[in-house]
Amino acid sequence: MCKHVKFLLVTVLLWISSGAFLSWAQYEPDRLGEGFESKQLAMPDDYSGPVVTTLVRSLSVCSEVHRAILYVHGYNDYFFQKSMAQTFTDSCFNFYAVDLRKYGRSLLPGQTPFEVRDLKEYFADIDTALTIIREEGNTEIVLMGHSTGGLITSLYCEAHRDSLPVQGLILNSPFLDMNMSGFYEKVLVPIVSAWGRCFKNTKISQGNSTAYAESLLKEYHGEWEYDTNLKFMASRPVTAAWVRAIHQGHKQVHKGLHIPCPILLMYSSQSVQGDQWTPQHQSGDAVLDVKDIARYGRTLGPRVTEFEVQEGLHDLVLSKPAARASVYAEIFRWMHDNGLDR
């Protein structure tokens, strides 16, 4: 009897270590409504305790679909862009999105939103999502990252460049450099980064501007609705360890990466300044310096295609109709040119 129990335990352990358990968690109806499902996946505990990641999916109704998009959101964000998912599913792509640990659907009670000490912590979330996506029959996968998600996905592809698990990378206004004055970027950020090595939980204010949120939300000047308990109107304070994690990621990017797959680098035609909303906030990137995106984005790999979106917002797929139409047109043109839509 003991031998049988031992055999069973060994079998279960091998099954778990193989990653097959990832399919065990069941999809449930998602908060986005009809056509969307999600499942929460337990990850190994970290320095703050239990951690989960959440995978959201919307499957195409096209027959025999074996290609997929995996979307990774930005900072102070979660996946809510239903129209983006529908655009891909209508074009015969299965669409998936991940709410990273301590963000959105994955934020557990008592956790500090967005807390991270090394951007590599998110690699496990992406690996888990990709494993499930492949198990569900998708053999061609394009990774897509917005803002901080663009920084994370770029570093992920660099770390996996010798056995890259995706066939392409789409970057929507990737966060490749701080949008600050020279003194802040060259002096203050490195000081806070060094401080964060030892005093990880020191709170760092992100200001109280709501201008970008006002440019998105339907109740103000935008077209969209989302949960402001998950994507806050004004950013919450971050920790010094968060600043350090971002700073270390930026330093790696600034040295140049060697991502081997095709990359589509997209950014707005202009940046917009000011903490108070103005009509200009509907026609430019109010979060990042688009010149920095272009400068460092060109050094991510040998196969970078740039696309400047006229009057695009920071999240380009939430721009005015003409701007976002050009975004999707370029995405599908780029995928066709690189054989990613077959």
Protein backbone atom coordinates (compact mmCIF):
# COMPACT_ATOMS: atom_id res chain seq x y z
CA MET A 1 0.00 0.00 0.00
CA CYS A 2 2.82 2.38 0.92
CA LYS A 3 4.46 1.73 -2.43
CA HIS A 4 1.26 2.72 -4.22
CA VAL A 5 0.97 5.92 -2.18
CA LYS A 6 4.61 6.77 -2.88
CA PHE A 7 4.10 6.15 -6.60
CA LEU A 8 1.02 8.38 -6.59
CA LEU A 9 2.87 11.20 -4.80
CA VAL A 10 5.78 11.02 -7.24
CA THR A 11 3.36 11.08 -10.18
CA VAL A 12 1.57 14.17 -8.81
CA LEU A 13 4.87 15.96 -8.19
CA LEU A 14 6.06 15.21 -11.71
CA TRP A 15 2.75 16.44 -13.10
CA ILE A 16 3.02 19.69 -11.16
CA SER A 17 6.66 20.26 -12.14
CA SER A 18 5.80 19.70 -15.79
CA GLY A 19 3.46 22.70 -15.74
CA ALA A 20 0.42 20.60 -16.65
CA PHE A 21 -1.36 21.87 -13.53
CA LEU A 22 -1.68 25.28 -15.17
CA SER A 23 -4.64 24.02 -17.19
CA TRP A 24 -6.37 22.75 -14.05
CA ALA A 25 -7.74 26.13 -12.99
CA GLN A 26 -11.04 26.68 -14.76
CA TYR A 27 -12.06 29.75 -16.71
CA GLU A 28 -14.98 31.69 -15.32
CA PRO A 29 -17.06 34.53 -16.83
CA ASP A 30 -14.97 37.70 -16.70
CA ARG A 31 -15.96 41.14 -15.47
CA LEU A 32 -15.91 42.40 -19.09
CA GLY A 33 -19.01 40.40 -19.90
CA GLU A 34 -20.05 38.23 -22.83
CA GLY A 35 -17.20 36.76 -24.85
CA PHE A 36 -14.61 37.12 -22.07
CA GLU A 37 -13.39 34.53 -19.59
CA SER A 38 -10.63 34.64 -17.00
CA LYS A 39 -8.89 32.45 -14.49
CA GLN A 40 -6.74 33.34 -11.53
CA LEU A 41 -3.54 31.36 -11.17
CA ALA A 42 -1.64 30.93 -7.92
CA MET A 43 2.07 31.70 -8.19
CA PRO A 44 4.85 30.95 -5.70
CA ASP A 45 4.78 33.27 -2.67
CA ASP A 46 7.12 36.25 -2.75
CA TYR A 47 8.46 38.67 -0.12
CA SER A 48 4.94 39.99 0.60
CA GLY A 49 3.16 36.63 0.78
CA PRO A 50 0.70 34.94 -1.63
CA VAL A 51 0.79 36.05 -5.26
CA VAL A 52 -1.56 35.41 -8.18
CA THR A 53 -1.69 36.30 -11.85
CA THR A 54 -4.87 36.42 -13.94
CA LEU A 55 -5.29 35.30 -17.54
CA VAL A 56 -8.18 36.77 -19.55
CA ARG A 57 -9.19 35.37 -22.92
CA SER A 58 -11.56 36.09 -25.79
CA LEU A 59 -11.57 33.41 -28.48
CA SER A 60 -12.13 34.04 -32.17
CA VAL A 61 -15.14 32.46 -33.85
CA CYS A 62 -13.06 31.81 -36.97
CA SER A 63 -12.52 28.12 -37.65
CA GLU A 64 -9.23 26.38 -36.82
CA VAL A 65 -7.49 29.37 -35.25
CA HIS A 66 -3.94 28.57 -34.08
CA ARG A 67 -2.57 32.07 -33.62
CA ALA A 68 -2.90 34.36 -30.62
CA ILE A 69 -2.09 37.73 -29.12
CA LEU A 70 -0.92 38.01 -25.51
CA TYR A 71 -1.33 41.55 -24.16
CA VAL A 72 0.55 42.94 -21.14
CA HIS A 73 -0.86 46.16 -19.62
CA GLY A 74 1.02 49.19 -18.33
CA TYR A 75 1.61 50.79 -14.94
CA ASN A 76 -1.50 51.80 -12.94
CA ASP A 77 -3.49 49.66 -15.33
CA TYR A 78 -5.30 46.39 -15.99
CA PHE A 79 -6.86 44.82 -19.07
CA PHE A 80 -10.17 46.49 -19.95
CA GLN A 81 -9.80 47.31 -23.69
CA LYS A 82 -12.66 45.21 -25.06
CA SER A 83 -12.56 46.88 -28.48
CA MET A 84 -8.91 45.88 -28.91
CA ALA A 85 -9.71 42.26 -28.16
CA GLN A 86 -12.64 42.30 -30.58
CA THR A 87 -10.49 43.78 -33.34
CA PHE A 88 -8.09 40.85 -33.05
CA THR A 89 -10.74 38.15 -32.67
CA ASP A 90 -12.63 39.54 -35.69
CA SER A 91 -9.36 39.16 -37.61
CA CYS A 92 -9.06 35.48 -36.63
CA PHE A 93 -6.67 35.79 -33.68
CA ASN A 94 -7.39 34.36 -30.26
CA PHE A 95 -6.85 37.16 -27.77
CA TYR A 96 -5.36 36.82 -24.30
CA ALA A 97 -4.35 39.37 -21.70
CA VAL A 98 -2.63 39.01 -18.37
CA ASP A 99 -3.24 41.12 -15.28
CA LEU A 100 0.20 40.96 -13.70
CA ARG A 101 0.70 40.20 -10.03
CA LYS A 102 -0.47 43.01 -7.71
CA TYR A 103 -2.38 44.71 -10.55
CA GLY A 104 -6.07 44.79 -11.39
CA ARG A 105 -7.76 41.41 -11.07
CA SER A 106 -4.60 40.03 -9.45
CA LEU A 107 -4.36 42.54 -6.59
CA LEU A 108 -4.98 40.65 -3.34
CA PRO A 109 -6.23 42.23 -0.08
CA GLY A 110 -3.40 43.82 1.86
CA GLN A 111 -1.01 44.01 -1.09
CA THR A 112 0.69 47.24 -2.17
CA PRO A 113 -0.49 48.00 -5.72
CA PHE A 114 2.23 47.61 -8.37
CA GLU A 115 4.84 46.48 -5.82
CA VAL A 116 7.90 44.96 -7.49
CA ARG A 117 11.60 44.73 -6.66
CA ASP A 118 12.89 43.31 -9.94
CA LEU A 119 11.06 43.35 -13.28
CA LYS A 120 12.06 39.71 -13.74
CA GLU A 121 9.36 38.89 -11.18
CA TYR A 122 6.84 39.35 -14.00
CA PHE A 123 8.55 36.83 -16.27
CA ALA A 124 6.86 33.97 -14.40
CA ASP A 125 3.46 35.54 -15.10
CA ILE A 126 4.24 35.74 -18.82
CA ASP A 127 5.71 32.22 -18.90
CA THR A 128 2.59 30.87 -17.20
CA ALA A 129 0.29 32.64 -19.65
CA LEU A 130 2.28 31.46 -22.67
CA THR A 131 2.26 27.87 -21.42
CA ILE A 132 -1.53 27.90 -21.17
CA ILE A 133 -1.94 29.63 -24.53
CA ARG A 134 0.17 26.94 -26.21
CA GLU A 135 -1.68 24.17 -24.37
CA GLU A 136 -4.89 25.59 -25.83
CA GLY A 137 -3.62 24.94 -29.35
CA ASN A 138 -2.04 28.24 -30.34
CA THR A 139 1.22 27.67 -32.19
CA GLU A 140 1.90 31.25 -33.35
CA ILE A 141 1.92 33.90 -30.62
CA VAL A 142 2.58 37.64 -30.80
CA LEU A 143 3.39 39.41 -27.54
CA MET A 144 2.04 42.94 -27.09
CA GLY A 145 3.04 45.36 -24.34
CA HIS A 146 1.82 48.83 -23.41
CA SER A 147 3.94 51.37 -21.48
CA THR A 148 5.55 49.55 -18.52
CA GLY A 149 4.26 46.36 -20.13
CA GLY A 150 6.34 47.33 -23.15
CA LEU A 151 9.45 47.59 -20.99
CA ILE A 152 8.70 44.26 -19.31
CA THR A 153 8.00 42.40 -22.56
CA SER A 154 11.15 43.81 -24.16
CA LEU A 155 13.28 42.58 -21.26
CA TYR A 156 11.44 39.26 -21.31
CA CYS A 157 12.20 38.74 -25.01
CA GLU A 158 15.82 39.70 -24.44
CA ALA A 159 16.14 37.17 -21.60
CA HIS A 160 14.62 34.44 -23.81
CA ARG A 161 16.25 35.44 -27.08
CA ASP A 162 18.03 32.09 -27.55
CA SER A 163 14.72 30.21 -27.40
CA LEU A 164 12.12 32.91 -27.93
CA PRO A 165 8.62 31.56 -27.19
CA VAL A 166 6.85 34.21 -29.33
CA GLN A 167 7.07 35.09 -33.00
CA GLY A 168 6.69 38.86 -32.76
CA LEU A 169 6.57 41.82 -30.34
CA ILE A 170 4.19 44.79 -30.58
CA LEU A 171 5.07 47.80 -28.43
CA ASN A 172 2.41 50.42 -27.70
CA SER A 173 4.19 53.49 -26.26
CA PRO A 174 6.75 51.44 -24.32
CA PHE A 175 8.21 52.93 -21.13
CA LEU A 176 11.88 52.92 -22.11
CA ASP A 177 13.02 56.01 -20.20
CA MET A 178 11.84 58.31 -17.42
CA ASN A 179 9.99 61.40 -18.60
CA MET A 180 11.85 63.82 -16.35
CA SER A 181 14.36 66.66 -16.50
CA GLY A 182 18.05 65.88 -16.88
CA PHE A 183 18.74 66.52 -13.19
CA TYR A 184 16.01 64.11 -12.09
CA GLU A 185 17.06 61.39 -14.52
CA LYS A 186 20.82 61.70 -14.04
CA VAL A 187 20.96 62.51 -10.32
CA LEU A 188 17.75 62.03 -8.37
CA VAL A 189 16.51 58.75 -9.89
CA PRO A 190 19.88 56.98 -9.37
CA ILE A 191 19.91 58.21 -5.76
CA VAL A 192 16.39 56.87 -5.11
CA SER A 193 17.34 53.66 -6.91
CA ALA A 194 20.36 53.19 -4.64
CA TRP A 195 18.22 54.01 -1.59
CA GLY A 196 15.71 51.39 -2.71
CA ARG A 197 18.31 48.67 -2.51
CA CYS A 198 18.21 48.80 1.29
CA PHE A 199 15.08 50.81 2.14
CA LYS A 200 12.72 49.07 -0.24
CA ASN A 201 9.39 50.22 1.14
CA THR A 202 10.05 53.97 1.21
CA LYS A 203 7.04 55.62 -0.45
CA ILE A 204 7.66 57.83 -3.49
CA SER A 205 4.86 60.15 -4.62
CA GLN A 206 3.76 60.03 -8.26
CA GLY A 207 1.87 63.31 -8.06
CA ASN A 208 -1.89 63.85 -8.09
CA SER A 209 -2.62 64.74 -11.71
CA THR A 210 -5.79 63.26 -13.19
CA ALA A 211 -5.28 64.79 -16.66
CA TYR A 212 -4.53 61.50 -18.43
CA ALA A 213 -7.48 59.74 -16.80
CA GLU A 214 -9.73 62.61 -17.87
CA SER A 215 -8.54 62.19 -21.46
CA LEU A 216 -9.70 58.54 -21.39
CA LEU A 217 -12.86 58.38 -19.29
CA LYS A 218 -16.24 58.89 -20.94
CA GLU A 219 -17.51 60.90 -17.98
CA TYR A 220 -14.83 63.51 -18.69
CA HIS A 221 -13.38 63.95 -22.19
CA GLY A 222 -12.74 60.42 -23.48
CA GLU A 223 -14.69 57.48 -24.90
CA TRP A 224 -13.96 54.73 -22.40
CA GLU A 225 -15.20 53.20 -19.19
CA TYR A 226 -13.05 51.32 -16.69
CA ASP A 227 -12.91 50.58 -12.97
CA THR A 228 -11.10 53.43 -11.24
CA ASN A 229 -10.58 51.15 -8.24
CA LEU A 230 -8.23 49.12 -10.46
CA LYS A 231 -6.85 51.89 -12.69
CA PHE A 232 -6.69 54.87 -10.39
CA MET A 233 -7.52 58.41 -11.51
CA ALA A 234 -4.26 59.63 -9.93
CA SER A 235 -1.38 57.24 -9.50
CA ARG A 236 -0.74 55.80 -6.05
CA PRO A 237 2.71 56.26 -4.49
CA VAL A 238 5.28 53.66 -5.49
CA THR A 239 8.12 52.26 -3.40
CA ALA A 240 11.81 53.04 -3.72
CA ALA A 241 12.24 49.39 -4.72
CA TRP A 242 9.84 49.98 -7.64
CA VAL A 243 11.97 52.94 -8.77
CA ARG A 244 15.05 50.74 -8.52
CA ALA A 245 13.44 47.97 -10.58
CA ILE A 246 12.46 50.42 -13.33
CA HIS A 247 15.85 52.13 -13.24
CA GLN A 248 17.68 48.82 -13.60
CA GLY A 249 15.41 47.87 -16.51
CA HIS A 250 16.03 51.19 -18.22
CA LYS A 251 19.79 50.86 -17.84
CA GLN A 252 19.66 47.50 -19.59
CA VAL A 253 17.55 48.90 -22.43
CA HIS A 254 19.81 51.92 -22.85
CA LYS A 255 22.78 49.64 -23.51
CA GLY A 256 20.85 48.13 -26.43
CA LEU A 257 19.04 44.80 -26.65
CA HIS A 258 19.24 41.97 -29.19
CA ILE A 259 15.66 40.76 -29.54
CA PRO A 260 15.66 38.50 -32.63
CA CYS A 261 11.97 38.58 -33.60
CA PRO A 262 10.22 41.34 -35.58
CA ILE A 263 9.28 44.32 -33.39
CA LEU A 264 6.61 46.92 -34.11
CA LEU A 265 7.45 50.11 -32.21
CA MET A 266 4.53 52.55 -32.02
CA TYR A 267 4.33 55.97 -30.38
CA SER A 268 2.43 59.22 -30.65
CA SER A 269 3.44 62.06 -32.93
CA GLN A 270 3.80 64.38 -29.93
CA SER A 271 4.05 64.56 -26.17
CA VAL A 272 1.78 66.79 -24.08
CA GLN A 273 2.81 68.56 -20.89
CA GLY A 274 0.79 69.78 -17.92
CA ASP A 275 -0.91 68.33 -14.85
CA GLN A 276 -4.22 70.03 -15.65
CA TRP A 277 -6.34 68.70 -18.53
CA THR A 278 -6.41 70.78 -21.72
CA PRO A 279 -7.79 69.94 -25.20
CA GLN A 280 -4.19 69.08 -26.20
CA HIS A 281 -4.40 66.07 -23.89
CA GLN A 282 -6.71 64.46 -26.47
CA SER A 283 -4.03 64.66 -29.16
CA GLY A 284 -0.77 63.46 -27.64
CA ASP A 285 1.09 61.31 -25.12
CA ALA A 286 0.58 62.90 -21.69
CA VAL A 287 2.73 60.29 -19.91
CA LEU A 288 6.02 59.69 -21.80
CA ASP A 289 8.44 61.58 -24.03
CA VAL A 290 7.89 60.18 -27.51
CA LYS A 291 11.43 61.15 -28.53
CA ASP A 292 12.80 58.84 -25.82
CA ILE A 293 10.55 56.01 -27.04
CA ALA A 294 11.88 56.40 -30.57
CA ARG A 295 15.50 56.79 -29.49
CA TYR A 296 15.69 53.70 -27.33
CA GLY A 297 13.13 51.65 -29.22
CA ARG A 298 15.36 51.60 -32.28
CA THR A 299 18.03 49.78 -30.26
CA LEU A 300 15.86 46.86 -29.13
CA GLY A 301 16.88 44.55 -31.95
CA PRO A 302 17.77 44.27 -35.64
CA ARG A 303 14.17 44.06 -36.92
CA VAL A 304 12.41 47.13 -35.54
CA THR A 305 9.63 48.79 -37.53
CA GLU A 306 8.66 52.26 -36.31
CA PHE A 307 5.22 53.80 -36.62
CA GLU A 308 4.35 57.32 -35.47
CA VAL A 309 0.64 57.71 -34.71
CA GLN A 310 -0.71 61.14 -35.53
CA GLU A 311 -2.38 62.61 -32.44
CA GLY A 312 -2.19 59.32 -30.59
CA LEU A 313 -2.79 59.14 -26.84
CA HIS A 314 -0.37 57.36 -24.52
CA ASP A 315 -2.40 54.18 -24.88
CA LEU A 316 -2.63 54.33 -28.64
CA VAL A 317 -5.60 51.95 -28.92
CA LEU A 318 -7.63 54.40 -26.80
CA SER A 319 -6.93 57.35 -29.10
CA LYS A 320 -9.50 59.17 -31.21
CA PRO A 321 -11.13 56.97 -33.90
CA ALA A 322 -8.89 58.05 -36.80
CA ALA A 323 -5.71 57.57 -34.76
CA ARG A 324 -6.61 54.14 -33.43
CA ALA A 325 -7.79 53.03 -36.89
CA SER A 326 -4.29 53.83 -38.15
CA VAL A 327 -2.82 51.83 -35.25
CA TYR A 328 -4.74 48.69 -36.17
CA ALA A 329 -4.09 49.14 -39.87
CA GLU A 330 -0.35 49.29 -39.17
CA ILE A 331 -0.44 46.30 -36.82
CA PHE A 332 -2.12 44.08 -39.42
CA ARG A 333 0.12 45.39 -42.22
CA TRP A 334 3.20 44.66 -40.11
CA MET A 335 1.96 41.19 -39.18
CA HIS A 336 1.24 40.40 -42.84
CA ASP A 337 4.67 41.63 -43.95
CA ASN A 338 6.31 39.43 -41.31
CA GLY A 339 4.21 36.34 -41.95
CA LEU A 340 2.46 36.53 -38.59
CA ASP A 341 -1.10 36.42 -39.90
CA ARG A 342 -1.02 33.02 -41.59
